[in-house]
Amino acid sequence: MDESAWPEVSATVATAPYPVEVLPADPARAAACLAALEITTRSWLGAVVANAGGLLVDHGWLRVLGSGHRGLPDVHSESAPGSGLVVVGYDVLGGQYAWLGTGPGSRPTIHYFGPDDLGWLDLEQGYAEWLNAVLAGSLTRFYETLRWPGWETEVAALALDEGISAWPPPFSKEGSDLATVSRKAVPLAQAVSFYQDMARQLGSPQEG
């Protein structure tokens, strides 16, 4: 029997410097997702899919996808067949984390599409390295320009399928300070779609 990486993931969750909620997994759905992705629980991604519907990190600011849970999609449903792109997480503002290769034979790395620059940034980390950093506290610095006083309460009140729409948007000069913009809860899929559409309209670099 394969040795699961879950004990290692779980131990890292337990020592995170901010709240991390492990959403329960449905065994049948988890098994189907693992089979579709063709991965095992020896990997961190496989372990998360098998043992968690998802992870709500830092008051729910980041939703790491697992095998899905009441409004939160599973990893496989968010992948793009044939492109090599697998979406592994969303942040509350509509940003995306995707695991993808940059060329033939290259090691897949995690890329981030942010609402502030509308482009994909290669974080140059594999999935396990990225999630380990996230659970070790990397979000605090990574998002320091995209947070506002009291964001924790605002974000924690959202449903799993909700995000926050900011207007003017973060990629505009007027929207660069999220403490001064208009913010409201919207379907997370709507927030994600908005920034993807704006990137296409403005000609920002896209992958996948």
N, C-alpha and C. Protein backbone atom coordinates (compact mmCIF):
# COMPACT_ATOMS: atom_id res chain seq x y z
N MET A 1 0.84 -1.20 0.00
CA MET A 1 0.00 0.00 0.00
C MET A 1 0.87 1.25 0.00
N ASP A 2 0.50 2.21 -0.80
CA ASP A 2 1.29 3.44 -0.88
C ASP A 2 1.29 4.16 0.47
N GLU A 3 2.44 4.73 0.80
CA GLU A 3 2.54 5.52 2.02
C GLU A 3 2.06 6.94 1.72
N SER A 4 1.03 7.36 2.40
CA SER A 4 0.44 8.68 2.13
C SER A 4 1.29 9.80 2.69
N ALA A 5 1.27 10.93 1.99
CA ALA A 5 1.97 12.13 2.45
C ALA A 5 1.10 12.93 3.41
N TRP A 6 -0.14 12.46 3.68
CA TRP A 6 -1.06 13.23 4.50
C TRP A 6 -0.54 13.52 5.91
N PRO A 7 0.09 12.56 6.61
CA PRO A 7 0.61 12.89 7.94
C PRO A 7 1.57 14.09 7.91
N GLU A 8 2.36 14.18 6.86
CA GLU A 8 3.28 15.31 6.72
C GLU A 8 2.51 16.61 6.46
N VAL A 9 1.52 16.55 5.59
CA VAL A 9 0.69 17.72 5.31
C VAL A 9 -0.05 18.14 6.57
N SER A 10 -0.65 17.18 7.24
CA SER A 10 -1.44 17.45 8.44
C SER A 10 -0.59 18.08 9.54
N ALA A 11 0.64 17.61 9.70
CA ALA A 11 1.54 18.17 10.70
C ALA A 11 1.89 19.61 10.37
N THR A 12 2.04 19.90 9.10
CA THR A 12 2.35 21.27 8.68
C THR A 12 1.15 22.18 8.90
N VAL A 13 -0.04 21.67 8.65
CA VAL A 13 -1.28 22.43 8.91
C VAL A 13 -1.35 22.81 10.39
N ALA A 14 -1.01 21.87 11.25
CA ALA A 14 -1.13 22.07 12.69
C ALA A 14 -0.20 23.17 13.22
N THR A 15 0.89 23.44 12.51
CA THR A 15 1.85 24.44 12.97
C THR A 15 1.75 25.76 12.21
N ALA A 16 0.73 25.90 11.37
CA ALA A 16 0.57 27.14 10.59
C ALA A 16 0.37 28.34 11.52
N PRO A 17 0.92 29.51 11.15
CA PRO A 17 0.82 30.70 12.00
C PRO A 17 -0.53 31.41 11.90
N TYR A 18 -1.41 30.95 11.03
CA TYR A 18 -2.75 31.51 10.93
C TYR A 18 -3.74 30.36 10.82
N PRO A 19 -5.03 30.64 10.99
CA PRO A 19 -6.02 29.55 10.99
C PRO A 19 -6.07 28.80 9.66
N VAL A 20 -6.12 27.47 9.74
CA VAL A 20 -6.29 26.61 8.57
C VAL A 20 -7.37 25.59 8.89
N GLU A 21 -8.43 25.59 8.10
CA GLU A 21 -9.52 24.63 8.30
C GLU A 21 -9.45 23.56 7.22
N VAL A 22 -9.44 22.31 7.65
CA VAL A 22 -9.45 21.19 6.71
C VAL A 22 -10.89 20.76 6.50
N LEU A 23 -11.40 20.96 5.31
CA LEU A 23 -12.77 20.57 4.99
C LEU A 23 -12.83 19.07 4.76
N PRO A 24 -13.83 18.38 5.30
CA PRO A 24 -13.89 16.93 5.15
C PRO A 24 -14.06 16.50 3.70
N ALA A 25 -13.47 15.35 3.40
CA ALA A 25 -13.55 14.80 2.04
C ALA A 25 -14.62 13.73 1.97
N ASP A 26 -15.28 13.63 0.83
CA ASP A 26 -16.18 12.53 0.55
C ASP A 26 -15.33 11.42 -0.08
N PRO A 27 -15.23 10.24 0.54
CA PRO A 27 -14.33 9.19 0.05
C PRO A 27 -14.53 8.81 -1.42
N ALA A 28 -15.78 8.68 -1.85
CA ALA A 28 -16.05 8.29 -3.23
C ALA A 28 -15.61 9.38 -4.19
N ARG A 29 -15.93 10.62 -3.85
CA ARG A 29 -15.54 11.74 -4.71
C ARG A 29 -14.02 11.89 -4.75
N ALA A 30 -13.38 11.69 -3.60
CA ALA A 30 -11.92 11.79 -3.53
C ALA A 30 -11.27 10.72 -4.40
N ALA A 31 -11.77 9.49 -4.32
CA ALA A 31 -11.21 8.40 -5.11
C ALA A 31 -11.35 8.67 -6.60
N ALA A 32 -12.51 9.18 -7.01
CA ALA A 32 -12.75 9.49 -8.42
C ALA A 32 -11.82 10.61 -8.90
N CYS A 33 -11.60 11.61 -8.05
CA CYS A 33 -10.74 12.73 -8.40
C CYS A 33 -9.29 12.27 -8.54
N LEU A 34 -8.84 11.42 -7.62
CA LEU A 34 -7.48 10.88 -7.70
C LEU A 34 -7.28 10.09 -8.98
N ALA A 35 -8.26 9.26 -9.31
CA ALA A 35 -8.15 8.43 -10.52
C ALA A 35 -8.11 9.29 -11.77
N ALA A 36 -8.95 10.34 -11.80
CA ALA A 36 -9.00 11.22 -12.97
C ALA A 36 -7.69 11.99 -13.14
N LEU A 37 -7.08 12.37 -12.03
CA LEU A 37 -5.83 13.11 -12.08
C LEU A 37 -4.62 12.20 -12.29
N GLU A 38 -4.83 10.90 -12.08
CA GLU A 38 -3.77 9.90 -12.22
C GLU A 38 -2.59 10.19 -11.29
N ILE A 39 -2.92 10.46 -10.02
CA ILE A 39 -1.89 10.71 -9.02
C ILE A 39 -2.15 9.82 -7.81
N THR A 40 -1.15 9.66 -6.96
CA THR A 40 -1.30 8.85 -5.75
C THR A 40 -1.19 9.73 -4.52
N THR A 41 -1.53 9.16 -3.38
CA THR A 41 -1.48 9.91 -2.13
C THR A 41 -0.06 10.06 -1.60
N ARG A 42 0.91 9.52 -2.31
CA ARG A 42 2.31 9.74 -1.92
C ARG A 42 2.72 11.19 -2.18
N SER A 43 2.05 11.82 -3.12
CA SER A 43 2.32 13.24 -3.40
C SER A 43 1.48 14.11 -2.49
N TRP A 44 1.94 15.35 -2.26
CA TRP A 44 1.16 16.27 -1.42
C TRP A 44 -0.18 16.58 -2.07
N LEU A 45 -0.21 16.76 -3.38
CA LEU A 45 -1.48 17.04 -4.05
C LEU A 45 -2.43 15.87 -3.90
N GLY A 46 -1.93 14.66 -4.11
CA GLY A 46 -2.77 13.48 -3.96
C GLY A 46 -3.27 13.31 -2.54
N ALA A 47 -2.41 13.61 -1.58
CA ALA A 47 -2.80 13.49 -0.17
C ALA A 47 -3.89 14.49 0.18
N VAL A 48 -3.79 15.71 -0.34
CA VAL A 48 -4.82 16.72 -0.08
C VAL A 48 -6.14 16.30 -0.73
N VAL A 49 -6.09 15.83 -1.96
CA VAL A 49 -7.30 15.41 -2.66
C VAL A 49 -7.98 14.26 -1.91
N ALA A 50 -7.19 13.30 -1.43
CA ALA A 50 -7.75 12.12 -0.77
C ALA A 50 -8.33 12.41 0.61
N ASN A 51 -7.76 13.40 1.29
CA ASN A 51 -8.12 13.60 2.69
C ASN A 51 -8.84 14.91 3.01
N ALA A 52 -9.00 15.76 2.01
CA ALA A 52 -9.65 17.05 2.28
C ALA A 52 -10.51 17.49 1.10
N GLY A 53 -11.68 18.01 1.44
CA GLY A 53 -12.49 18.64 0.41
C GLY A 53 -11.80 19.91 -0.07
N GLY A 54 -10.97 20.48 0.80
CA GLY A 54 -10.20 21.68 0.51
C GLY A 54 -9.61 22.19 1.81
N LEU A 55 -8.73 23.17 1.71
CA LEU A 55 -8.15 23.82 2.88
C LEU A 55 -8.49 25.30 2.84
N LEU A 56 -9.05 25.80 3.93
CA LEU A 56 -9.32 27.23 4.04
C LEU A 56 -8.18 27.84 4.85
N VAL A 57 -7.34 28.61 4.20
CA VAL A 57 -6.12 29.11 4.82
C VAL A 57 -6.22 30.60 5.14
N ASP A 58 -5.79 30.96 6.34
CA ASP A 58 -5.76 32.35 6.79
C ASP A 58 -7.13 33.00 6.72
N HIS A 59 -8.04 32.50 7.58
CA HIS A 59 -9.41 33.00 7.67
C HIS A 59 -10.22 32.79 6.39
N GLY A 60 -9.73 31.90 5.51
CA GLY A 60 -10.42 31.63 4.25
C GLY A 60 -9.94 32.50 3.10
N TRP A 61 -8.87 33.27 3.32
CA TRP A 61 -8.35 34.11 2.23
C TRP A 61 -7.94 33.26 1.03
N LEU A 62 -7.30 32.13 1.30
CA LEU A 62 -6.91 31.21 0.24
C LEU A 62 -7.70 29.92 0.41
N ARG A 63 -8.30 29.46 -0.70
CA ARG A 63 -9.01 28.19 -0.70
C ARG A 63 -8.18 27.21 -1.54
N VAL A 64 -7.47 26.33 -0.88
CA VAL A 64 -6.69 25.30 -1.57
C VAL A 64 -7.65 24.18 -1.94
N LEU A 65 -7.70 23.84 -3.21
CA LEU A 65 -8.67 22.84 -3.68
C LEU A 65 -8.23 21.42 -3.33
N GLY A 66 -9.21 20.60 -2.97
CA GLY A 66 -8.99 19.19 -2.74
C GLY A 66 -9.96 18.40 -3.59
N SER A 67 -10.77 17.57 -2.95
CA SER A 67 -11.75 16.78 -3.70
C SER A 67 -13.13 17.43 -3.73
N GLY A 68 -13.22 18.68 -3.27
CA GLY A 68 -14.47 19.44 -3.36
C GLY A 68 -15.31 19.36 -2.11
N HIS A 69 -16.03 20.45 -1.82
CA HIS A 69 -16.86 20.47 -0.62
C HIS A 69 -17.87 21.62 -0.69
N ARG A 70 -19.14 21.31 -0.82
CA ARG A 70 -20.25 22.26 -0.73
C ARG A 70 -19.95 23.68 -1.24
N GLY A 71 -19.84 23.83 -2.53
CA GLY A 71 -19.58 25.14 -3.11
C GLY A 71 -18.14 25.35 -3.53
N LEU A 72 -17.24 24.51 -3.03
CA LEU A 72 -15.83 24.59 -3.43
C LEU A 72 -15.56 23.46 -4.42
N PRO A 73 -15.09 23.78 -5.62
CA PRO A 73 -14.89 22.74 -6.63
C PRO A 73 -13.71 21.83 -6.29
N ASP A 74 -13.63 20.71 -6.99
CA ASP A 74 -12.49 19.82 -6.81
C ASP A 74 -11.40 20.15 -7.82
N VAL A 75 -10.22 19.65 -7.57
CA VAL A 75 -9.07 19.96 -8.43
C VAL A 75 -9.30 19.53 -9.87
N HIS A 76 -9.82 18.33 -10.06
CA HIS A 76 -9.97 17.83 -11.43
C HIS A 76 -10.95 18.65 -12.25
N SER A 77 -12.06 19.07 -11.64
CA SER A 77 -13.06 19.84 -12.38
C SER A 77 -12.53 21.20 -12.82
N GLU A 78 -11.49 21.68 -12.14
CA GLU A 78 -10.93 22.98 -12.49
C GLU A 78 -9.70 22.87 -13.39
N SER A 79 -9.37 21.67 -13.82
CA SER A 79 -8.22 21.49 -14.70
C SER A 79 -8.64 21.66 -16.15
N ALA A 80 -7.66 21.93 -17.00
CA ALA A 80 -7.94 22.11 -18.43
C ALA A 80 -7.31 20.93 -19.18
N PRO A 81 -8.13 19.96 -19.57
CA PRO A 81 -7.60 18.76 -20.24
C PRO A 81 -6.75 19.11 -21.46
N GLY A 82 -5.59 18.48 -21.54
CA GLY A 82 -4.72 18.69 -22.69
C GLY A 82 -3.79 19.87 -22.58
N SER A 83 -4.06 20.80 -21.66
CA SER A 83 -3.21 21.99 -21.56
C SER A 83 -2.11 21.85 -20.52
N GLY A 84 -2.29 20.85 -19.65
CA GLY A 84 -1.31 20.68 -18.59
C GLY A 84 -1.52 21.63 -17.43
N LEU A 85 -2.62 22.40 -17.47
CA LEU A 85 -2.89 23.36 -16.41
C LEU A 85 -3.87 22.76 -15.41
N VAL A 86 -3.49 22.77 -14.13
CA VAL A 86 -4.34 22.27 -13.07
C VAL A 86 -4.48 23.37 -12.02
N VAL A 87 -5.68 23.91 -11.88
CA VAL A 87 -5.91 24.96 -10.87
C VAL A 87 -5.98 24.30 -9.50
N VAL A 88 -5.14 24.77 -8.58
CA VAL A 88 -5.06 24.14 -7.25
C VAL A 88 -5.54 25.06 -6.13
N GLY A 89 -5.88 26.31 -6.45
CA GLY A 89 -6.35 27.20 -5.41
C GLY A 89 -6.85 28.53 -5.94
N TYR A 90 -7.72 29.16 -5.16
CA TYR A 90 -8.23 30.50 -5.46
C TYR A 90 -8.07 31.37 -4.22
N ASP A 91 -7.77 32.64 -4.43
CA ASP A 91 -7.84 33.54 -3.27
C ASP A 91 -9.15 34.29 -3.31
N VAL A 92 -9.44 34.97 -2.24
CA VAL A 92 -10.74 35.59 -2.06
C VAL A 92 -11.02 36.72 -3.06
N LEU A 93 -9.97 37.27 -3.65
CA LEU A 93 -10.13 38.38 -4.60
C LEU A 93 -10.32 37.91 -6.04
N GLY A 94 -10.20 36.60 -6.27
CA GLY A 94 -10.34 36.08 -7.63
C GLY A 94 -9.02 35.71 -8.26
N GLY A 95 -7.95 35.73 -7.48
CA GLY A 95 -6.66 35.27 -7.99
C GLY A 95 -6.63 33.76 -8.06
N GLN A 96 -5.76 33.21 -8.92
CA GLN A 96 -5.70 31.77 -9.12
C GLN A 96 -4.29 31.24 -8.95
N TYR A 97 -4.21 30.03 -8.43
CA TYR A 97 -2.95 29.30 -8.39
C TYR A 97 -3.11 28.08 -9.29
N ALA A 98 -2.19 27.90 -10.21
CA ALA A 98 -2.27 26.77 -11.13
C ALA A 98 -0.92 26.07 -11.21
N TRP A 99 -0.98 24.78 -11.33
CA TRP A 99 0.21 23.93 -11.46
C TRP A 99 0.36 23.61 -12.93
N LEU A 100 1.46 24.02 -13.54
CA LEU A 100 1.64 23.77 -14.97
C LEU A 100 3.11 23.76 -15.35
N GLY A 101 3.38 23.15 -16.49
CA GLY A 101 4.73 23.11 -17.02
C GLY A 101 4.96 24.28 -17.96
N THR A 102 6.21 24.73 -18.02
CA THR A 102 6.53 25.87 -18.87
C THR A 102 7.09 25.46 -20.23
N GLY A 103 7.29 24.17 -20.43
CA GLY A 103 7.82 23.71 -21.71
C GLY A 103 8.02 22.21 -21.70
N PRO A 104 8.30 21.61 -22.85
CA PRO A 104 8.49 20.17 -22.94
C PRO A 104 9.57 19.69 -21.98
N GLY A 105 9.22 18.71 -21.16
CA GLY A 105 10.20 18.14 -20.25
C GLY A 105 10.48 18.96 -19.00
N SER A 106 9.83 20.10 -18.87
CA SER A 106 10.08 20.94 -17.70
C SER A 106 9.32 20.43 -16.49
N ARG A 107 9.84 20.72 -15.32
CA ARG A 107 9.16 20.34 -14.08
C ARG A 107 8.00 21.30 -13.86
N PRO A 108 6.78 20.79 -13.69
CA PRO A 108 5.64 21.68 -13.44
C PRO A 108 5.86 22.50 -12.17
N THR A 109 5.47 23.76 -12.23
CA THR A 109 5.58 24.64 -11.07
C THR A 109 4.25 25.36 -10.85
N ILE A 110 4.13 25.95 -9.67
CA ILE A 110 2.92 26.71 -9.35
C ILE A 110 3.05 28.12 -9.91
N HIS A 111 2.02 28.57 -10.60
CA HIS A 111 1.95 29.92 -11.14
C HIS A 111 0.77 30.65 -10.48
N TYR A 112 0.92 31.95 -10.33
CA TYR A 112 -0.16 32.74 -9.72
C TYR A 112 -0.64 33.81 -10.68
N PHE A 113 -1.96 33.86 -10.85
CA PHE A 113 -2.59 34.92 -11.64
C PHE A 113 -3.26 35.87 -10.67
N GLY A 114 -2.75 37.10 -10.58
CA GLY A 114 -3.25 38.04 -9.58
C GLY A 114 -4.15 39.13 -10.14
N PRO A 115 -5.10 39.61 -9.34
CA PRO A 115 -6.00 40.68 -9.76
C PRO A 115 -5.34 42.05 -9.83
N ASP A 116 -4.10 42.13 -9.36
CA ASP A 116 -3.42 43.42 -9.39
C ASP A 116 -2.56 43.63 -10.62
N ASP A 117 -2.11 42.53 -11.27
CA ASP A 117 -1.29 42.72 -12.48
C ASP A 117 -1.81 41.93 -13.68
N LEU A 118 -2.84 41.10 -13.48
CA LEU A 118 -3.52 40.38 -14.58
C LEU A 118 -2.57 39.53 -15.41
N GLY A 119 -1.54 39.00 -14.81
CA GLY A 119 -0.60 38.14 -15.53
C GLY A 119 -0.21 36.96 -14.68
N TRP A 120 0.32 35.92 -15.32
CA TRP A 120 0.76 34.73 -14.60
C TRP A 120 2.20 34.89 -14.14
N LEU A 121 2.41 34.67 -12.86
CA LEU A 121 3.74 34.74 -12.26
C LEU A 121 4.18 33.34 -11.88
N ASP A 122 5.33 32.92 -12.38
CA ASP A 122 5.88 31.61 -12.05
C ASP A 122 6.52 31.70 -10.66
N LEU A 123 5.96 31.01 -9.68
CA LEU A 123 6.50 31.05 -8.33
C LEU A 123 7.72 30.15 -8.18
N GLU A 124 8.01 29.38 -9.24
CA GLU A 124 9.20 28.51 -9.28
C GLU A 124 9.23 27.54 -8.10
N GLN A 125 8.06 27.04 -7.75
CA GLN A 125 7.93 26.05 -6.68
C GLN A 125 7.06 24.90 -7.16
N GLY A 126 7.42 23.69 -6.80
CA GLY A 126 6.53 22.57 -7.04
C GLY A 126 5.35 22.65 -6.09
N TYR A 127 4.38 21.75 -6.24
CA TYR A 127 3.17 21.84 -5.42
C TYR A 127 3.50 21.71 -3.93
N ALA A 128 4.27 20.70 -3.56
CA ALA A 128 4.57 20.48 -2.14
C ALA A 128 5.34 21.66 -1.56
N GLU A 129 6.28 22.18 -2.32
CA GLU A 129 7.07 23.32 -1.85
C GLU A 129 6.18 24.55 -1.66
N TRP A 130 5.27 24.76 -2.59
CA TRP A 130 4.36 25.90 -2.50
C TRP A 130 3.43 25.78 -1.30
N LEU A 131 2.78 24.61 -1.15
CA LEU A 131 1.83 24.45 -0.06
C LEU A 131 2.54 24.50 1.29
N ASN A 132 3.74 23.95 1.36
CA ASN A 132 4.51 24.02 2.59
C ASN A 132 4.79 25.47 2.97
N ALA A 133 5.16 26.29 1.97
CA ALA A 133 5.43 27.71 2.22
C ALA A 133 4.16 28.43 2.67
N VAL A 134 3.04 28.12 2.01
CA VAL A 134 1.76 28.73 2.37
C VAL A 134 1.41 28.42 3.83
N LEU A 135 1.58 27.17 4.20
CA LEU A 135 1.23 26.74 5.56
C LEU A 135 2.26 27.21 6.59
N ALA A 136 3.41 27.67 6.11
CA ALA A 136 4.44 28.19 7.01
C ALA A 136 4.31 29.69 7.21
N GLY A 137 3.38 30.33 6.47
CA GLY A 137 3.14 31.75 6.69
C GLY A 137 3.42 32.68 5.53
N SER A 138 3.68 32.14 4.34
CA SER A 138 4.07 32.99 3.21
C SER A 138 2.99 33.95 2.74
N LEU A 139 1.71 33.65 3.05
CA LEU A 139 0.63 34.51 2.55
C LEU A 139 0.71 35.93 3.12
N THR A 140 1.18 36.06 4.34
CA THR A 140 1.23 37.37 4.99
C THR A 140 2.03 38.36 4.17
N ARG A 141 3.19 37.97 3.72
CA ARG A 141 4.02 38.87 2.92
C ARG A 141 3.53 38.94 1.47
N PHE A 142 3.10 37.79 0.95
CA PHE A 142 2.69 37.73 -0.45
C PHE A 142 1.54 38.68 -0.74
N TYR A 143 0.64 38.83 0.23
CA TYR A 143 -0.56 39.65 0.01
C TYR A 143 -0.53 40.99 0.74
N GLU A 144 0.62 41.42 1.18
CA GLU A 144 0.66 42.63 2.01
C GLU A 144 0.13 43.87 1.30
N THR A 145 0.18 43.93 -0.02
CA THR A 145 -0.34 45.10 -0.74
C THR A 145 -1.80 44.93 -1.16
N LEU A 146 -2.39 43.78 -0.86
CA LEU A 146 -3.76 43.51 -1.29
C LEU A 146 -4.72 43.34 -0.12
N ARG A 147 -4.28 43.74 1.06
CA ARG A 147 -5.15 43.61 2.23
C ARG A 147 -5.45 44.97 2.84
N TRP A 148 -6.46 45.00 3.67
CA TRP A 148 -6.94 46.23 4.26
C TRP A 148 -7.26 45.98 5.74
N PRO A 149 -7.34 47.01 6.55
CA PRO A 149 -7.66 46.83 7.96
C PRO A 149 -9.01 46.13 8.14
N GLY A 150 -9.05 45.08 8.94
CA GLY A 150 -10.29 44.37 9.19
C GLY A 150 -10.65 43.32 8.16
N TRP A 151 -9.72 43.00 7.25
CA TRP A 151 -10.03 42.03 6.19
C TRP A 151 -10.38 40.66 6.76
N GLU A 152 -9.78 40.31 7.90
CA GLU A 152 -10.02 38.97 8.46
C GLU A 152 -11.50 38.72 8.71
N THR A 153 -12.17 39.67 9.34
CA THR A 153 -13.60 39.51 9.66
C THR A 153 -14.43 39.46 8.39
N GLU A 154 -14.09 40.32 7.45
CA GLU A 154 -14.83 40.40 6.18
C GLU A 154 -14.73 39.10 5.39
N VAL A 155 -13.53 38.56 5.35
CA VAL A 155 -13.29 37.34 4.58
C VAL A 155 -13.89 36.11 5.26
N ALA A 156 -13.76 36.04 6.58
CA ALA A 156 -14.27 34.89 7.32
C ALA A 156 -15.78 34.75 7.23
N ALA A 157 -16.47 35.84 6.93
CA ALA A 157 -17.94 35.82 6.85
C ALA A 157 -18.46 35.28 5.52
N LEU A 158 -17.58 35.06 4.55
CA LEU A 158 -17.99 34.62 3.22
C LEU A 158 -18.30 33.13 3.18
N ALA A 159 -19.19 32.75 2.26
CA ALA A 159 -19.44 31.34 1.99
C ALA A 159 -18.30 30.79 1.13
N LEU A 160 -18.22 29.46 1.02
CA LEU A 160 -17.13 28.84 0.26
C LEU A 160 -17.12 29.26 -1.21
N ASP A 161 -18.30 29.55 -1.75
CA ASP A 161 -18.38 29.90 -3.17
C ASP A 161 -18.43 31.41 -3.39
N GLU A 162 -18.05 32.18 -2.36
CA GLU A 162 -18.05 33.64 -2.48
C GLU A 162 -16.64 34.21 -2.42
N GLY A 163 -16.48 35.33 -3.11
CA GLY A 163 -15.24 36.09 -3.05
C GLY A 163 -15.59 37.55 -2.84
N ILE A 164 -14.59 38.42 -2.96
CA ILE A 164 -14.82 39.84 -2.77
C ILE A 164 -14.50 40.59 -4.06
N SER A 165 -15.47 41.38 -4.50
CA SER A 165 -15.28 42.25 -5.66
C SER A 165 -14.85 43.63 -5.16
N ALA A 166 -13.78 44.15 -5.74
CA ALA A 166 -13.27 45.46 -5.36
C ALA A 166 -13.41 46.41 -6.54
N TRP A 167 -13.94 47.60 -6.28
CA TRP A 167 -14.09 48.60 -7.34
C TRP A 167 -13.74 49.98 -6.82
N PRO A 168 -12.84 50.70 -7.49
CA PRO A 168 -12.08 50.31 -8.67
C PRO A 168 -11.21 49.06 -8.41
N PRO A 169 -10.94 48.28 -9.45
CA PRO A 169 -10.22 47.02 -9.29
C PRO A 169 -8.74 47.23 -8.94
N PRO A 170 -8.11 46.22 -8.33
CA PRO A 170 -6.73 46.34 -7.88
C PRO A 170 -5.70 46.65 -8.97
N PHE A 171 -6.01 46.29 -10.24
CA PHE A 171 -5.03 46.55 -11.30
C PHE A 171 -5.04 48.01 -11.76
N SER A 172 -6.01 48.79 -11.28
CA SER A 172 -6.07 50.20 -11.65
C SER A 172 -5.37 51.06 -10.61
N LYS A 173 -4.93 52.23 -11.01
CA LYS A 173 -4.26 53.15 -10.09
C LYS A 173 -5.20 53.52 -8.94
N GLU A 174 -6.46 53.75 -9.28
CA GLU A 174 -7.45 54.17 -8.28
C GLU A 174 -7.78 53.05 -7.29
N GLY A 175 -7.56 51.81 -7.72
CA GLY A 175 -7.91 50.68 -6.87
C GLY A 175 -6.73 50.02 -6.18
N SER A 176 -5.58 50.64 -6.23
CA SER A 176 -4.37 50.03 -5.67
C SER A 176 -4.40 49.91 -4.15
N ASP A 177 -5.18 50.75 -3.49
CA ASP A 177 -5.32 50.67 -2.03
C ASP A 177 -6.70 50.11 -1.71
N LEU A 178 -6.76 48.84 -1.32
CA LEU A 178 -8.06 48.20 -1.11
C LEU A 178 -8.79 48.70 0.12
N ALA A 179 -8.13 49.50 0.92
CA ALA A 179 -8.81 50.09 2.08
C ALA A 179 -9.74 51.22 1.66
N THR A 180 -9.54 51.76 0.45
CA THR A 180 -10.30 52.93 0.02
C THR A 180 -11.32 52.61 -1.07
N VAL A 181 -11.42 51.36 -1.51
CA VAL A 181 -12.32 51.01 -2.60
C VAL A 181 -13.64 50.47 -2.06
N SER A 182 -14.59 50.32 -2.97
CA SER A 182 -15.87 49.69 -2.62
C SER A 182 -15.70 48.18 -2.72
N ARG A 183 -16.07 47.46 -1.67
CA ARG A 183 -15.92 46.00 -1.66
C ARG A 183 -17.27 45.35 -1.37
N LYS A 184 -17.55 44.26 -2.05
CA LYS A 184 -18.79 43.53 -1.77
C LYS A 184 -18.60 42.05 -2.09
N ALA A 185 -19.41 41.22 -1.45
CA ALA A 185 -19.36 39.78 -1.68
C ALA A 185 -20.03 39.45 -3.01
N VAL A 186 -19.37 38.61 -3.80
CA VAL A 186 -19.90 38.15 -5.08
C VAL A 186 -19.56 36.67 -5.22
N PRO A 187 -20.21 35.95 -6.15
CA PRO A 187 -19.79 34.57 -6.40
C PRO A 187 -18.31 34.55 -6.78
N LEU A 188 -17.54 33.64 -6.19
CA LEU A 188 -16.10 33.59 -6.46
C LEU A 188 -15.83 33.38 -7.95
N ALA A 189 -16.64 32.54 -8.59
CA ALA A 189 -16.45 32.29 -10.02
C ALA A 189 -16.60 33.58 -10.83
N GLN A 190 -17.46 34.47 -10.37
CA GLN A 190 -17.65 35.75 -11.05
C GLN A 190 -16.40 36.62 -10.92
N ALA A 191 -15.80 36.62 -9.74
CA ALA A 191 -14.58 37.41 -9.53
C ALA A 191 -13.44 36.87 -10.39
N VAL A 192 -13.30 35.55 -10.42
CA VAL A 192 -12.25 34.93 -11.24
C VAL A 192 -12.45 35.27 -12.70
N SER A 193 -13.67 35.12 -13.18
CA SER A 193 -14.00 35.38 -14.58
C SER A 193 -13.74 36.83 -14.96
N PHE A 194 -14.05 37.75 -14.06
CA PHE A 194 -13.88 39.17 -14.34
C PHE A 194 -12.42 39.49 -14.67
N TYR A 195 -11.51 39.01 -13.84
CA TYR A 195 -10.09 39.33 -14.06
C TYR A 195 -9.52 38.61 -15.27
N GLN A 196 -10.00 37.40 -15.54
CA GLN A 196 -9.56 36.72 -16.76
C GLN A 196 -10.02 37.48 -18.00
N ASP A 197 -11.27 37.93 -17.97
CA ASP A 197 -11.80 38.70 -19.10
C ASP A 197 -11.04 40.01 -19.28
N MET A 198 -10.74 40.69 -18.18
CA MET A 198 -10.01 41.95 -18.27
C MET A 198 -8.61 41.73 -18.82
N ALA A 199 -7.98 40.63 -18.45
CA ALA A 199 -6.65 40.33 -18.95
C ALA A 199 -6.68 40.14 -20.47
N ARG A 200 -7.71 39.47 -20.95
CA ARG A 200 -7.83 39.27 -22.40
C ARG A 200 -8.08 40.60 -23.11
N GLN A 201 -8.95 41.43 -22.53
CA GLN A 201 -9.26 42.72 -23.16
C GLN A 201 -8.07 43.66 -23.18
N LEU A 202 -7.29 43.60 -22.11
CA LEU A 202 -6.15 44.52 -22.00
C LEU A 202 -4.86 43.95 -22.58
N GLY A 203 -4.96 42.69 -23.03
CA GLY A 203 -3.78 42.10 -23.67
C GLY A 203 -2.70 41.67 -22.72
N SER A 204 -3.08 41.35 -21.47
CA SER A 204 -2.09 40.87 -20.51
C SER A 204 -1.67 39.46 -20.86
N PRO A 205 -0.44 39.07 -20.50
CA PRO A 205 0.05 37.72 -20.85
C PRO A 205 -0.77 36.64 -20.17
N GLN A 206 -1.14 35.62 -20.93
CA GLN A 206 -1.92 34.50 -20.41
C GLN A 206 -1.18 33.19 -20.66
N GLU A 207 -1.46 32.20 -19.85
CA GLU A 207 -0.97 30.85 -20.07
C GLU A 207 -2.13 29.91 -19.89
N GLY A 208 -2.03 28.77 -20.56
CA GLY A 208 -3.08 27.77 -20.37
C GLY A 208 -4.26 28.02 -21.25
